[in-house]
Each structure stands twice: as C-alpha cells, then as structure tokens.
Amino acid sequence: MVLTRDFRETVMAAAQKDTAYRRSLLTRGFALSHSADEEDRNVGKSLLCDYINATVGFQTLAKELNKKPESLMRMLSASGNPRLSNFAELIDCLFEHEGLSLLDEE
C-alpha cells in the first residue's frame, strides 16, 4: 500500500498542529535516549531528530548552540555518541524552546 504523504511530512504536520504530540516526541525521545538498550537509544535519538525537524530546525538550533548543524545531526545519528555536556546543552535548549523544564520548580 502506497502512503499518500511522506512520513516525515506527516510527523511535521502533526507536531505543528498538536502540542501534546510535539511534546511527546521530545519527552519520549529524551527518555529513550537514556535507555540501556541500544535499539531504544537509537529510537530516542530518532524521535529527537523528528522533533527538531518539525520545530526549530537544525540550522536554527545550531546557531543557538554555537555548533555546526552537521555536528548536531551526527550526535543524534545511530552511531552518534555525544559527550554528556553537549547532549545536556541540546536537551536544555529543546526543553526551553518547548516551554518545559526537566526540574520541578516550586
């Protein structure tokens, strides 16, 4: 069966239209990226890529983080193994962009 729309376009449209879906991409991607299972980590990084492509984009994100877009893409690739400091900076920026916090603020 042939899909009528490209999958990436479908994800982007859903993320732009549905805040809960967009936030789920981000939070689930973050959670899975910390899994002990390599396959889960790769799914998590893929979800983070989908989130970035559907929202801020790699070019804009790279400027905000003062990094090359290619470095961010490589960091989130299946073979990517980012330093914790780089990954934390990326996640902080994405959560801030979405208006979410990793810490409970009272």
PDB file of N, CA and C in Angstrom:
ATOM      1  N   MET A   1       0.839  -1.176   0.000  1.00  0.00           N
ATOM      2  CA  MET A   1       0.000   0.000   0.000  1.00  0.00           C
ATOM      3  C   MET A   1       0.885   1.240   0.000  1.00  0.00           C
ATOM      4  N   VAL A   2       0.597   2.148  -0.863  1.00  0.00           N
ATOM      5  CA  VAL A   2       1.370   3.367  -1.006  1.00  0.00           C
ATOM      6  C   VAL A   2       0.803   4.443  -0.093  1.00  0.00           C
ATOM      7  N   LEU A   3       1.701   5.094   0.655  1.00  0.00           N
ATOM      8  CA  LEU A   3       1.271   6.208   1.511  1.00  0.00           C
ATOM      9  C   LEU A   3       1.036   7.440   0.648  1.00  0.00           C
ATOM     10  N   THR A   4       0.041   8.210   0.997  1.00  0.00           N
ATOM     11  CA  THR A   4      -0.268   9.398   0.205  1.00  0.00           C
ATOM     12  C   THR A   4       0.611  10.585   0.572  1.00  0.00           C
ATOM     13  N   ARG A   5       1.179  10.560   1.761  1.00  0.00           N
ATOM     14  CA  ARG A   5       2.065  11.639   2.178  1.00  0.00           C
ATOM     15  C   ARG A   5       3.354  11.044   2.707  1.00  0.00           C
ATOM     16  N   ASP A   6       4.408  11.757   2.523  1.00  0.00           N
ATOM     17  CA  ASP A   6       5.686  11.351   3.074  1.00  0.00           C
ATOM     18  C   ASP A   6       5.571  11.300   4.605  1.00  0.00           C
ATOM     19  N   PHE A   7       6.126  10.270   5.216  1.00  0.00           N
ATOM     20  CA  PHE A   7       6.043  10.094   6.665  1.00  0.00           C
ATOM     21  C   PHE A   7       6.569  11.310   7.413  1.00  0.00           C
ATOM     22  N   ARG A   8       7.678  11.838   6.969  1.00  0.00           N
ATOM     23  CA  ARG A   8       8.279  12.998   7.628  1.00  0.00           C
ATOM     24  C   ARG A   8       7.332  14.205   7.587  1.00  0.00           C
ATOM     25  N   GLU A   9       6.677  14.387   6.465  1.00  0.00           N
ATOM     26  CA  GLU A   9       5.705  15.482   6.344  1.00  0.00           C
ATOM     27  C   GLU A   9       4.542  15.272   7.305  1.00  0.00           C
ATOM     28  N   THR A  10       4.115  14.031   7.458  1.00  0.00           N
ATOM     29  CA  THR A  10       3.015  13.711   8.360  1.00  0.00           C
ATOM     30  C   THR A  10       3.396  14.015   9.805  1.00  0.00           C
ATOM     31  N   VAL A  11       4.608  13.614  10.199  1.00  0.00           N
ATOM     32  CA  VAL A  11       5.093  13.884  11.552  1.00  0.00           C
ATOM     33  C   VAL A  11       5.191  15.389  11.779  1.00  0.00           C
ATOM     34  N   MET A  12       5.750  16.103  10.815  1.00  0.00           N
ATOM     35  CA  MET A  12       5.904  17.551  10.952  1.00  0.00           C
ATOM     36  C   MET A  12       4.543  18.236  11.084  1.00  0.00           C
ATOM     37  N   ALA A  13       3.588  17.839  10.265  1.00  0.00           N
ATOM     38  CA  ALA A  13       2.258  18.454  10.316  1.00  0.00           C
ATOM     39  C   ALA A  13       1.588  18.180  11.664  1.00  0.00           C
ATOM     40  N   ALA A  14       1.700  16.958  12.140  1.00  0.00           N
ATOM     41  CA  ALA A  14       1.093  16.617  13.425  1.00  0.00           C
ATOM     42  C   ALA A  14       1.758  17.382  14.566  1.00  0.00           C
ATOM     43  N   ALA A  15       3.072  17.505  14.524  1.00  0.00           N
ATOM     44  CA  ALA A  15       3.800  18.210  15.583  1.00  0.00           C
ATOM     45  C   ALA A  15       3.474  19.699  15.602  1.00  0.00           C
ATOM     46  N   GLN A  16       3.301  20.285  14.438  1.00  0.00           N
ATOM     47  CA  GLN A  16       2.995  21.706  14.372  1.00  0.00           C
ATOM     48  C   GLN A  16       1.566  21.998  14.815  1.00  0.00           C
ATOM     49  N   LYS A  17       0.688  21.030  14.635  1.00  0.00           N
ATOM     50  CA  LYS A  17      -0.728  21.219  14.939  1.00  0.00           C
ATOM     51  C   LYS A  17      -1.088  20.806  16.368  1.00  0.00           C
ATOM     52  N   ASP A  18      -0.393  19.815  16.903  1.00  0.00           N
ATOM     53  CA  ASP A  18      -0.781  19.203  18.174  1.00  0.00           C
ATOM     54  C   ASP A  18       0.339  19.329  19.203  1.00  0.00           C
ATOM     55  N   THR A  19       0.139  20.204  20.172  1.00  0.00           N
ATOM     56  CA  THR A  19       1.148  20.453  21.206  1.00  0.00           C
ATOM     57  C   THR A  19       1.483  19.186  21.990  1.00  0.00           C
ATOM     58  N   ALA A  20       0.481  18.403  22.338  1.00  0.00           N
ATOM     59  CA  ALA A  20       0.719  17.181  23.115  1.00  0.00           C
ATOM     60  C   ALA A  20       1.578  16.196  22.327  1.00  0.00           C
ATOM     61  N   TYR A  21       1.315  16.067  21.039  1.00  0.00           N
ATOM     62  CA  TYR A  21       2.113  15.176  20.184  1.00  0.00           C
ATOM     63  C   TYR A  21       3.556  15.661  20.114  1.00  0.00           C
ATOM     64  N   ARG A  22       3.720  16.961  19.902  1.00  0.00           N
ATOM     65  CA  ARG A  22       5.058  17.559  19.795  1.00  0.00           C
ATOM     66  C   ARG A  22       5.842  17.344  21.089  1.00  0.00           C
ATOM     67  N   ARG A  23       5.196  17.603  22.201  1.00  0.00           N
ATOM     68  CA  ARG A  23       5.868  17.424  23.492  1.00  0.00           C
ATOM     69  C   ARG A  23       6.178  15.958  23.767  1.00  0.00           C
ATOM     70  N   SER A  24       5.322  15.074  23.295  1.00  0.00           N
ATOM     71  CA  SER A  24       5.582  13.640  23.448  1.00  0.00           C
ATOM     72  C   SER A  24       6.804  13.211  22.650  1.00  0.00           C
ATOM     73  N   LEU A  25       6.960  13.751  21.454  1.00  0.00           N
ATOM     74  CA  LEU A  25       8.166  13.456  20.676  1.00  0.00           C
ATOM     75  C   LEU A  25       9.413  13.818  21.468  1.00  0.00           C
ATOM     76  N   LEU A  26       9.380  14.998  22.068  1.00  0.00           N
ATOM     77  CA  LEU A  26      10.533  15.496  22.820  1.00  0.00           C
ATOM     78  C   LEU A  26      10.769  14.682  24.089  1.00  0.00           C
ATOM     79  N   THR A  27       9.747  14.516  24.902  1.00  0.00           N
ATOM     80  CA  THR A  27       9.950  13.846  26.193  1.00  0.00           C
ATOM     81  C   THR A  27      10.228  12.352  26.029  1.00  0.00           C
ATOM     82  N   ARG A  28       9.549  11.709  25.097  1.00  0.00           N
ATOM     83  CA  ARG A  28       9.798  10.276  24.866  1.00  0.00           C
ATOM     84  C   ARG A  28      11.172  10.081  24.237  1.00  0.00           C
ATOM     85  N   GLY A  29      11.551  10.965  23.329  1.00  0.00           N
ATOM     86  CA  GLY A  29      12.882  10.888  22.739  1.00  0.00           C
ATOM     87  C   GLY A  29      13.972  11.039  23.785  1.00  0.00           C
ATOM     88  N   PHE A  30      13.770  11.985  24.690  1.00  0.00           N
ATOM     89  CA  PHE A  30      14.720  12.195  25.773  1.00  0.00           C
ATOM     90  C   PHE A  30      14.797  10.960  26.665  1.00  0.00           C
ATOM     91  N   ALA A  31      13.647  10.417  27.054  1.00  0.00           N
ATOM     92  CA  ALA A  31      13.621   9.254  27.941  1.00  0.00           C
ATOM     93  C   ALA A  31      14.294   8.040  27.297  1.00  0.00           C
ATOM     94  N   LEU A  32      13.973   7.775  26.049  1.00  0.00           N
ATOM     95  CA  LEU A  32      14.554   6.608  25.379  1.00  0.00           C
ATOM     96  C   LEU A  32      16.042   6.772  25.114  1.00  0.00           C
ATOM     97  N   SER A  33      16.496   7.992  24.947  1.00  0.00           N
ATOM     98  CA  SER A  33      17.913   8.214  24.654  1.00  0.00           C
ATOM     99  C   SER A  33      18.806   7.830  25.829  1.00  0.00           C
ATOM    100  N   HIS A  34      18.209   7.575  26.985  1.00  0.00           N
ATOM    101  CA  HIS A  34      18.961   7.165  28.176  1.00  0.00           C
ATOM    102  C   HIS A  34      18.822   5.679  28.480  1.00  0.00           C
ATOM    103  N   SER A  35      18.191   4.948  27.602  1.00  0.00           N
ATOM    104  CA  SER A  35      17.946   3.531  27.832  1.00  0.00           C
ATOM    105  C   SER A  35      19.242   2.725  27.811  1.00  0.00           C
ATOM    106  N   ALA A  36      19.243   1.613  28.519  1.00  0.00           N
ATOM    107  CA  ALA A  36      20.378   0.692  28.482  1.00  0.00           C
ATOM    108  C   ALA A  36      20.394  -0.080  27.167  1.00  0.00           C
ATOM    109  N   ASP A  37      19.245  -0.154  26.514  1.00  0.00           N
ATOM    110  CA  ASP A  37      19.125  -0.886  25.259  1.00  0.00           C
ATOM    111  C   ASP A  37      19.515  -0.004  24.083  1.00  0.00           C
ATOM    112  N   GLU A  38      20.450  -0.460  23.266  1.00  0.00           N
ATOM    113  CA  GLU A  38      20.943   0.334  22.136  1.00  0.00           C
ATOM    114  C   GLU A  38      19.838   0.676  21.139  1.00  0.00           C
ATOM    115  N   GLU A  39      18.959  -0.258  20.875  1.00  0.00           N
ATOM    116  CA  GLU A  39      17.862   0.000  19.930  1.00  0.00           C
ATOM    117  C   GLU A  39      16.943   1.104  20.451  1.00  0.00           C
ATOM    118  N   ASP A  40      16.638   1.061  21.747  1.00  0.00           N
ATOM    119  CA  ASP A  40      15.817   2.115  22.348  1.00  0.00           C
ATOM    120  C   ASP A  40      16.519   3.469  22.264  1.00  0.00           C
ATOM    121  N   ARG A  41      17.830   3.503  22.513  1.00  0.00           N
ATOM    122  CA  ARG A  41      18.583   4.760  22.412  1.00  0.00           C
ATOM    123  C   ARG A  41      18.498   5.324  21.007  1.00  0.00           C
ATOM    124  N   ASN A  42      18.610   4.458  20.008  1.00  0.00           N
ATOM    125  CA  ASN A  42      18.530   4.916  18.619  1.00  0.00           C
ATOM    126  C   ASN A  42      17.142   5.441  18.281  1.00  0.00           C
ATOM    127  N   VAL A  43      16.101   4.791  18.803  1.00  0.00           N
ATOM    128  CA  VAL A  43      14.734   5.285  18.600  1.00  0.00           C
ATOM    129  C   VAL A  43      14.590   6.652  19.263  1.00  0.00           C
ATOM    130  N   GLY A  44      15.133   6.790  20.462  1.00  0.00           N
ATOM    131  CA  GLY A  44      15.073   8.069  21.164  1.00  0.00           C
ATOM    132  C   GLY A  44      15.740   9.180  20.387  1.00  0.00           C
ATOM    133  N   LYS A  45      16.919   8.914  19.852  1.00  0.00           N
ATOM    134  CA  LYS A  45      17.632   9.935  19.068  1.00  0.00           C
ATOM    135  C   LYS A  45      16.863  10.260  17.788  1.00  0.00           C
ATOM    136  N   SER A  46      16.230   9.251  17.201  1.00  0.00           N
ATOM    137  CA  SER A  46      15.415   9.479  16.007  1.00  0.00           C
ATOM    138  C   SER A  46      14.207  10.362  16.322  1.00  0.00           C
ATOM    139  N   LEU A  47      13.564  10.131  17.468  1.00  0.00           N
ATOM    140  CA  LEU A  47      12.436  10.967  17.872  1.00  0.00           C
ATOM    141  C   LEU A  47      12.889  12.407  18.109  1.00  0.00           C
ATOM    142  N   LEU A  48      14.067  12.585  18.695  1.00  0.00           N
ATOM    143  CA  LEU A  48      14.592  13.939  18.898  1.00  0.00           C
ATOM    144  C   LEU A  48      14.851  14.618  17.555  1.00  0.00           C
ATOM    145  N   CYS A  49      15.367  13.878  16.585  1.00  0.00           N
ATOM    146  CA  CYS A  49      15.562  14.438  15.232  1.00  0.00           C
ATOM    147  C   CYS A  49      14.229  14.853  14.627  1.00  0.00           C
ATOM    148  N   ASP A  50      13.215  13.999  14.765  1.00  0.00           N
ATOM    149  CA  ASP A  50      11.885  14.336  14.247  1.00  0.00           C
ATOM    150  C   ASP A  50      11.369  15.607  14.907  1.00  0.00           C
ATOM    151  N   TYR A  51      11.560  15.712  16.217  1.00  0.00           N
ATOM    152  CA  TYR A  51      11.119  16.906  16.942  1.00  0.00           C
ATOM    153  C   TYR A  51      11.835  18.148  16.406  1.00  0.00           C
ATOM    154  N   ILE A  52      13.143  18.056  16.262  1.00  0.00           N
ATOM    155  CA  ILE A  52      13.924  19.202  15.774  1.00  0.00           C
ATOM    156  C   ILE A  52      13.474  19.602  14.375  1.00  0.00           C
ATOM    157  N   ASN A  53      13.331  18.625  13.492  1.00  0.00           N
ATOM    158  CA  ASN A  53      12.908  18.921  12.121  1.00  0.00           C
ATOM    159  C   ASN A  53      11.520  19.542  12.076  1.00  0.00           C
ATOM    160  N   ALA A  54      10.644  19.139  12.988  1.00  0.00           N
ATOM    161  CA  ALA A  54       9.269  19.638  12.987  1.00  0.00           C
ATOM    162  C   ALA A  54       9.121  20.987  13.685  1.00  0.00           C
ATOM    163  N   THR A  55      10.134  21.403  14.418  1.00  0.00           N
ATOM    164  CA  THR A  55      10.011  22.649  15.181  1.00  0.00           C
ATOM    165  C   THR A  55      11.103  23.642  14.802  1.00  0.00           C
ATOM    166  N   VAL A  56      12.136  23.682  15.560  1.00  0.00           N
ATOM    167  CA  VAL A  56      13.161  24.720  15.426  1.00  0.00           C
ATOM    168  C   VAL A  56      14.052  24.525  14.200  1.00  0.00           C
ATOM    169  N   GLY A  57      14.313  23.309  13.787  1.00  0.00           N
ATOM    170  CA  GLY A  57      15.189  23.029  12.657  1.00  0.00           C
ATOM    171  C   GLY A  57      16.651  22.983  13.088  1.00  0.00           C
ATOM    172  N   PHE A  58      17.427  22.188  12.398  1.00  0.00           N
ATOM    173  CA  PHE A  58      18.831  22.013  12.751  1.00  0.00           C
ATOM    174  C   PHE A  58      19.656  23.273  12.535  1.00  0.00           C
ATOM    175  N   GLN A  59      19.345  24.044  11.508  1.00  0.00           N
ATOM    176  CA  GLN A  59      20.121  25.265  11.240  1.00  0.00           C
ATOM    177  C   GLN A  59      19.971  26.270  12.376  1.00  0.00           C
ATOM    178  N   THR A  60      18.746  26.535  12.782  1.00  0.00           N
ATOM    179  CA  THR A  60      18.481  27.495  13.854  1.00  0.00           C
ATOM    180  C   THR A  60      19.025  26.988  15.182  1.00  0.00           C
ATOM    181  N   LEU A  61      18.806  25.713  15.464  1.00  0.00           N
ATOM    182  CA  LEU A  61      19.295  25.123  16.704  1.00  0.00           C
ATOM    183  C   LEU A  61      20.820  25.206  16.783  1.00  0.00           C
ATOM    184  N   ALA A  62      21.480  24.949  15.671  1.00  0.00           N
ATOM    185  CA  ALA A  62      22.941  25.018  15.638  1.00  0.00           C
ATOM    186  C   ALA A  62      23.436  26.424  15.965  1.00  0.00           C
ATOM    187  N   LYS A  63      22.745  27.432  15.440  1.00  0.00           N
ATOM    188  CA  LYS A  63      23.120  28.816  15.748  1.00  0.00           C
ATOM    189  C   LYS A  63      22.934  29.113  17.230  1.00  0.00           C
ATOM    190  N   GLU A  64      21.819  28.642  17.799  1.00  0.00           N
ATOM    191  CA  GLU A  64      21.556  28.876  19.221  1.00  0.00           C
ATOM    192  C   GLU A  64      22.611  28.213  20.108  1.00  0.00           C
ATOM    193  N   LEU A  65      23.092  27.052  19.684  1.00  0.00           N
ATOM    194  CA  LEU A  65      24.060  26.299  20.479  1.00  0.00           C
ATOM    195  C   LEU A  65      25.510  26.585  20.076  1.00  0.00           C
ATOM    196  N   ASN A  66      25.680  27.435  19.068  1.00  0.00           N
ATOM    197  CA  ASN A  66      27.014  27.753  18.557  1.00  0.00           C
ATOM    198  C   ASN A  66      27.756  26.483  18.123  1.00  0.00           C
ATOM    199  N   LYS A  67      27.052  25.652  17.362  1.00  0.00           N
ATOM    200  CA  LYS A  67      27.611  24.408  16.836  1.00  0.00           C
ATOM    201  C   LYS A  67      27.252  24.307  15.362  1.00  0.00           C
ATOM    202  N   LYS A  68      27.884  23.390  14.679  1.00  0.00           N
ATOM    203  CA  LYS A  68      27.565  23.149  13.275  1.00  0.00           C
ATOM    204  C   LYS A  68      26.350  22.230  13.199  1.00  0.00           C
ATOM    205  N   PRO A  69      25.432  22.496  12.248  1.00  0.00           N
ATOM    206  CA  PRO A  69      24.261  21.610  12.102  1.00  0.00           C
ATOM    207  C   PRO A  69      24.663  20.150  11.902  1.00  0.00           C
ATOM    208  N   GLU A  70      25.730  19.939  11.163  1.00  0.00           N
ATOM    209  CA  GLU A  70      26.196  18.578  10.904  1.00  0.00           C
ATOM    210  C   GLU A  70      26.606  17.878  12.194  1.00  0.00           C
ATOM    211  N   SER A  71      27.193  18.634  13.125  1.00  0.00           N
ATOM    212  CA  SER A  71      27.598  18.056  14.412  1.00  0.00           C
ATOM    213  C   SER A  71      26.387  17.596  15.207  1.00  0.00           C
ATOM    214  N   LEU A  72      25.321  18.396  15.172  1.00  0.00           N
ATOM    215  CA  LEU A  72      24.097  18.009  15.871  1.00  0.00           C
ATOM    216  C   LEU A  72      23.472  16.778  15.228  1.00  0.00           C
ATOM    217  N   MET A  73      23.448  16.745  13.909  1.00  0.00           N
ATOM    218  CA  MET A  73      22.889  15.596  13.210  1.00  0.00           C
ATOM    219  C   MET A  73      23.693  14.334  13.503  1.00  0.00           C
ATOM    220  N   ARG A  74      25.011  14.470  13.527  1.00  0.00           N
ATOM    221  CA  ARG A  74      25.887  13.330  13.818  1.00  0.00           C
ATOM    222  C   ARG A  74      25.679  12.862  15.262  1.00  0.00           C
ATOM    223  N   MET A  75      25.513  13.812  16.183  1.00  0.00           N
ATOM    224  CA  MET A  75      25.289  13.496  17.590  1.00  0.00           C
ATOM    225  C   MET A  75      24.046  12.620  17.760  1.00  0.00           C
ATOM    226  N   LEU A  76      23.028  12.881  16.959  1.00  0.00           N
ATOM    227  CA  LEU A  76      21.762  12.165  17.080  1.00  0.00           C
ATOM    228  C   LEU A  76      21.623  11.005  16.096  1.00  0.00           C
ATOM    229  N   SER A  77      22.683  10.700  15.369  1.00  0.00           N
ATOM    230  CA  SER A  77      22.634   9.571  14.444  1.00  0.00           C
ATOM    231  C   SER A  77      22.760   8.266  15.228  1.00  0.00           C
ATOM    232  N   ALA A  78      22.478   7.151  14.579  1.00  0.00           N
ATOM    233  CA  ALA A  78      22.556   5.846  15.236  1.00  0.00           C
ATOM    234  C   ALA A  78      23.960   5.572  15.765  1.00  0.00           C
ATOM    235  N   SER A  79      24.967   6.062  15.082  1.00  0.00           N
ATOM    236  CA  SER A  79      26.345   5.839  15.529  1.00  0.00           C
ATOM    237  C   SER A  79      26.867   6.967  16.412  1.00  0.00           C
ATOM    238  N   GLY A  80      26.048   7.992  16.617  1.00  0.00           N
ATOM    239  CA  GLY A  80      26.467   9.135  17.429  1.00  0.00           C
ATOM    240  C   GLY A  80      26.626   8.772  18.891  1.00  0.00           C
ATOM    241  N   ASN A  81      27.659   9.330  19.508  1.00  0.00           N
ATOM    242  CA  ASN A  81      27.927   9.093  20.923  1.00  0.00           C
ATOM    243  C   ASN A  81      28.355  10.425  21.535  1.00  0.00           C
ATOM    244  N   PRO A  82      27.384  11.323  21.760  1.00  0.00           N
ATOM    245  CA  PRO A  82      27.730  12.670  22.204  1.00  0.00           C
ATOM    246  C   PRO A  82      28.254  12.703  23.638  1.00  0.00           C
ATOM    247  N   ARG A  83      29.097  13.683  23.905  1.00  0.00           N
ATOM    248  CA  ARG A  83      29.524  13.927  25.283  1.00  0.00           C
ATOM    249  C   ARG A  83      28.296  14.370  26.070  1.00  0.00           C
ATOM    250  N   LEU A  84      28.285  14.055  27.340  1.00  0.00           N
ATOM    251  CA  LEU A  84      27.151  14.399  28.179  1.00  0.00           C
ATOM    252  C   LEU A  84      26.905  15.903  28.179  1.00  0.00           C
ATOM    253  N   SER A  85      27.960  16.687  28.221  1.00  0.00           N
ATOM    254  CA  SER A  85      27.792  18.147  28.249  1.00  0.00           C
ATOM    255  C   SER A  85      27.111  18.652  26.981  1.00  0.00           C
ATOM    256  N   ASN A  86      27.472  18.112  25.829  1.00  0.00           N
ATOM    257  CA  ASN A  86      26.843  18.520  24.571  1.00  0.00           C
ATOM    258  C   ASN A  86      25.384  18.086  24.509  1.00  0.00           C
ATOM    259  N   PHE A  87      25.124  16.857  24.960  1.00  0.00           N
ATOM    260  CA  PHE A  87      23.756  16.348  24.928  1.00  0.00           C
ATOM    261  C   PHE A  87      22.878  17.132  25.900  1.00  0.00           C
ATOM    262  N   ALA A  88      23.401  17.428  27.091  1.00  0.00           N
ATOM    263  CA  ALA A  88      22.640  18.191  28.085  1.00  0.00           C
ATOM    264  C   ALA A  88      22.319  19.587  27.564  1.00  0.00           C
ATOM    265  N   GLU A  89      23.273  20.215  26.896  1.00  0.00           N
ATOM    266  CA  GLU A  89      23.049  21.542  26.322  1.00  0.00           C
ATOM    267  C   GLU A  89      21.952  21.490  25.260  1.00  0.00           C
ATOM    268  N   LEU A  90      21.984  20.463  24.437  1.00  0.00           N
ATOM    269  CA  LEU A  90      20.969  20.269  23.400  1.00  0.00           C
ATOM    270  C   LEU A  90      19.588  20.079  24.028  1.00  0.00           C
ATOM    271  N   ILE A  91      19.492  19.193  25.000  1.00  0.00           N
ATOM    272  CA  ILE A  91      18.216  18.905  25.649  1.00  0.00           C
ATOM    273  C   ILE A  91      17.680  20.138  26.368  1.00  0.00           C
ATOM    274  N   ASP A  92      18.551  20.847  27.082  1.00  0.00           N
ATOM    275  CA  ASP A  92      18.123  22.078  27.766  1.00  0.00           C
ATOM    276  C   ASP A  92      17.515  23.067  26.778  1.00  0.00           C
ATOM    277  N   CYS A  93      18.161  23.236  25.648  1.00  0.00           N
ATOM    278  CA  CYS A  93      17.693  24.173  24.629  1.00  0.00           C
ATOM    279  C   CYS A  93      16.343  23.729  24.066  1.00  0.00           C
ATOM    280  N   LEU A  94      16.184  22.439  23.787  1.00  0.00           N
ATOM    281  CA  LEU A  94      14.928  21.933  23.239  1.00  0.00           C
ATOM    282  C   LEU A  94      13.785  22.063  24.238  1.00  0.00           C
ATOM    283  N   PHE A  95      14.054  21.723  25.499  1.00  0.00           N
ATOM    284  CA  PHE A  95      13.009  21.844  26.516  1.00  0.00           C
ATOM    285  C   PHE A  95      12.630  23.309  26.715  1.00  0.00           C
ATOM    286  N   GLU A  96      13.613  24.190  26.702  1.00  0.00           N
ATOM    287  CA  GLU A  96      13.325  25.617  26.835  1.00  0.00           C
ATOM    288  C   GLU A  96      12.490  26.099  25.652  1.00  0.00           C
ATOM    289  N   HIS A  97      12.837  25.659  24.459  1.00  0.00           N
ATOM    290  CA  HIS A  97      12.098  26.033  23.249  1.00  0.00           C
ATOM    291  C   HIS A  97      10.633  25.612  23.357  1.00  0.00           C
ATOM    292  N   GLU A  98      10.407  24.455  23.992  1.00  0.00           N
ATOM    293  CA  GLU A  98       9.050  23.921  24.130  1.00  0.00           C
ATOM    294  C   GLU A  98       8.335  24.481  25.360  1.00  0.00           C
ATOM    295  N   GLY A  99       9.063  25.210  26.199  1.00  0.00           N
ATOM    296  CA  GLY A  99       8.462  25.757  27.403  1.00  0.00           C
ATOM    297  C   GLY A  99       8.314  24.752  28.524  1.00  0.00           C
ATOM    298  N   LEU A 100       9.164  23.730  28.492  1.00  0.00           N
ATOM    299  CA  LEU A 100       9.150  22.677  29.514  1.00  0.00           C
ATOM    300  C   LEU A 100      10.398  22.780  30.377  1.00  0.00           C
ATOM    301  N   SER A 101      10.355  22.140  31.530  1.00  0.00           N
ATOM    302  CA  SER A 101      11.504  22.111  32.425  1.00  0.00           C
ATOM    303  C   SER A 101      11.755  20.681  32.858  1.00  0.00           C
ATOM    304  N   LEU A 102      13.022  20.322  32.971  1.00  0.00           N
ATOM    305  CA  LEU A 102      13.372  18.999  33.463  1.00  0.00           C
ATOM    306  C   LEU A 102      13.269  18.929  34.981  1.00  0.00           C
ATOM    307  N   LEU A 103      13.323  20.067  35.622  1.00  0.00           N
ATOM    308  CA  LEU A 103      13.284  20.139  37.071  1.00  0.00           C
ATOM    309  C   LEU A 103      11.948  20.691  37.541  1.00  0.00           C
ATOM    310  N   ASP A 104      11.453  20.166  38.614  1.00  0.00           N
ATOM    311  CA  ASP A 104      10.234  20.722  39.216  1.00  0.00           C
ATOM    312  C   ASP A 104      10.617  22.011  39.917  1.00  0.00           C
ATOM    313  N   GLU A 105      10.009  23.093  39.488  1.00  0.00           N
ATOM    314  CA  GLU A 105      10.292  24.380  40.105  1.00  0.00           C
ATOM    315  C   GLU A 105       9.127  24.738  41.003  1.00  0.00           C
ATOM    316  N   GLU A 106       9.445  25.118  42.225  1.00  0.00           N
ATOM    317  CA  GLU A 106       8.386  25.462  43.174  1.00  0.00           C
ATOM    318  C   GLU A 106       8.377  26.934  43.425  1.00  0.00           C
TER     319      GLU A 106
END
